[in-house]
Amino acid sequence: GYPSIYNNEQFLNVDIVNDLGDLFDEFFIDLTDIGSGSKAEPDKAQVMTQFKNVLNGDEKAEQNLHQMVALSTRNQYRKGL
């Protein structure tokens, strides 16, 4: 199913915030640890802070977030399933 398509990547979709953010009341941030510990984990409080800053229109925060979650995909948003 769906998880097997992108199983080795995390999802980071800031595009939907920029494209359709006014249509949402809230966003969900899944802070579940991924993998077997072989990947460096970003500080979860910082991820939340940077995402909040993205919601407030801070373009630098978007760049910071992409650096923090470097191994990520948004292909499911761009291309569909």
Protein backbone atom coordinates (compact mmCIF):
# COMPACT_ATOMS: atom_id res chain seq x y z
CA GLY A 1 0.00 0.00 0.00
CA TYR A 2 0.80 3.63 0.39
CA PRO A 3 3.53 3.32 3.07
CA SER A 4 5.58 1.03 0.83
CA ILE A 5 5.79 3.73 -1.85
CA TYR A 6 7.66 6.24 0.31
CA ASN A 7 8.72 4.00 3.21
CA ASN A 8 12.32 5.17 3.34
CA GLU A 9 11.52 8.91 3.31
CA GLN A 10 9.85 11.39 5.60
CA PHE A 11 7.17 13.71 4.32
CA LEU A 12 7.75 17.46 4.38
CA ASN A 13 5.15 19.36 2.44
CA VAL A 14 5.54 23.08 2.98
CA ASP A 15 4.10 23.62 -0.51
CA ILE A 16 0.59 22.85 0.69
CA VAL A 17 0.93 25.54 3.36
CA ASN A 18 1.82 28.06 0.66
CA ASP A 19 -0.69 26.78 -1.90
CA LEU A 20 -3.74 25.97 0.21
CA GLY A 21 -2.97 27.10 3.76
CA ASP A 22 -6.04 29.31 3.99
CA LEU A 23 -8.26 26.22 3.55
CA PHE A 24 -6.98 24.49 6.71
CA ASP A 25 -7.80 25.14 10.36
CA GLU A 26 -4.79 23.19 11.58
CA PHE A 27 -1.84 21.08 10.47
CA PHE A 28 -0.58 17.80 11.89
CA ILE A 29 3.12 17.31 12.57
CA ASP A 30 4.04 13.66 13.03
CA LEU A 31 7.09 13.58 15.28
CA THR A 32 7.35 9.80 15.32
CA ASP A 33 10.93 8.55 15.24
CA ILE A 34 11.66 7.03 11.86
CA GLY A 35 14.08 4.24 11.04
CA SER A 36 16.32 2.20 13.26
CA GLY A 37 18.30 5.08 14.69
CA SER A 38 20.78 5.18 11.84
CA LYS A 39 19.59 8.64 10.78
CA ALA A 40 20.28 11.80 12.73
CA GLU A 41 17.06 13.04 14.32
CA PRO A 42 16.27 16.76 14.22
CA ASP A 43 15.30 18.43 17.50
CA LYS A 44 11.52 18.01 17.63
CA ALA A 45 10.92 21.29 19.46
CA GLN A 46 12.88 23.10 16.75
CA VAL A 47 10.88 21.34 14.02
CA MET A 48 7.68 22.60 15.63
CA THR A 49 9.07 26.11 16.06
CA GLN A 50 10.24 26.29 12.46
CA PHE A 51 6.89 24.98 11.18
CA LYS A 52 5.06 27.60 13.25
CA ASN A 53 7.32 30.23 11.71
CA VAL A 54 6.51 28.87 8.24
CA LEU A 55 2.80 29.29 9.03
CA ASN A 56 3.57 32.90 9.92
CA GLY A 57 5.16 33.47 6.51
CA ASP A 58 8.84 33.29 7.45
CA GLU A 59 10.65 32.19 4.27
CA LYS A 60 13.91 31.59 6.16
CA ALA A 61 12.06 29.15 8.43
CA GLU A 62 11.03 27.16 5.36
CA GLN A 63 14.68 26.81 4.36
CA ASN A 64 15.62 25.88 7.93
CA LEU A 65 12.91 23.23 8.03
CA HIS A 66 14.11 21.67 4.78
CA GLN A 67 17.65 21.53 6.18
CA MET A 68 16.43 19.92 9.41
CA VAL A 69 14.39 17.28 7.55
CA ALA A 70 16.83 16.76 4.71
CA LEU A 71 15.73 13.25 3.68
CA SER A 72 12.14 14.00 2.79
CA THR A 73 9.70 13.89 -0.08
CA ARG A 74 6.70 15.81 -1.28
CA ASN A 75 6.26 13.80 -4.48
CA GLN A 76 2.89 12.50 -3.33
CA TYR A 77 1.67 16.12 -3.34
CA ARG A 78 3.39 17.17 -6.56
CA LYS A 79 2.58 14.09 -8.65
CA GLY A 80 -0.26 12.34 -6.83
CA LEU A 81 -0.35 8.66 -6.03
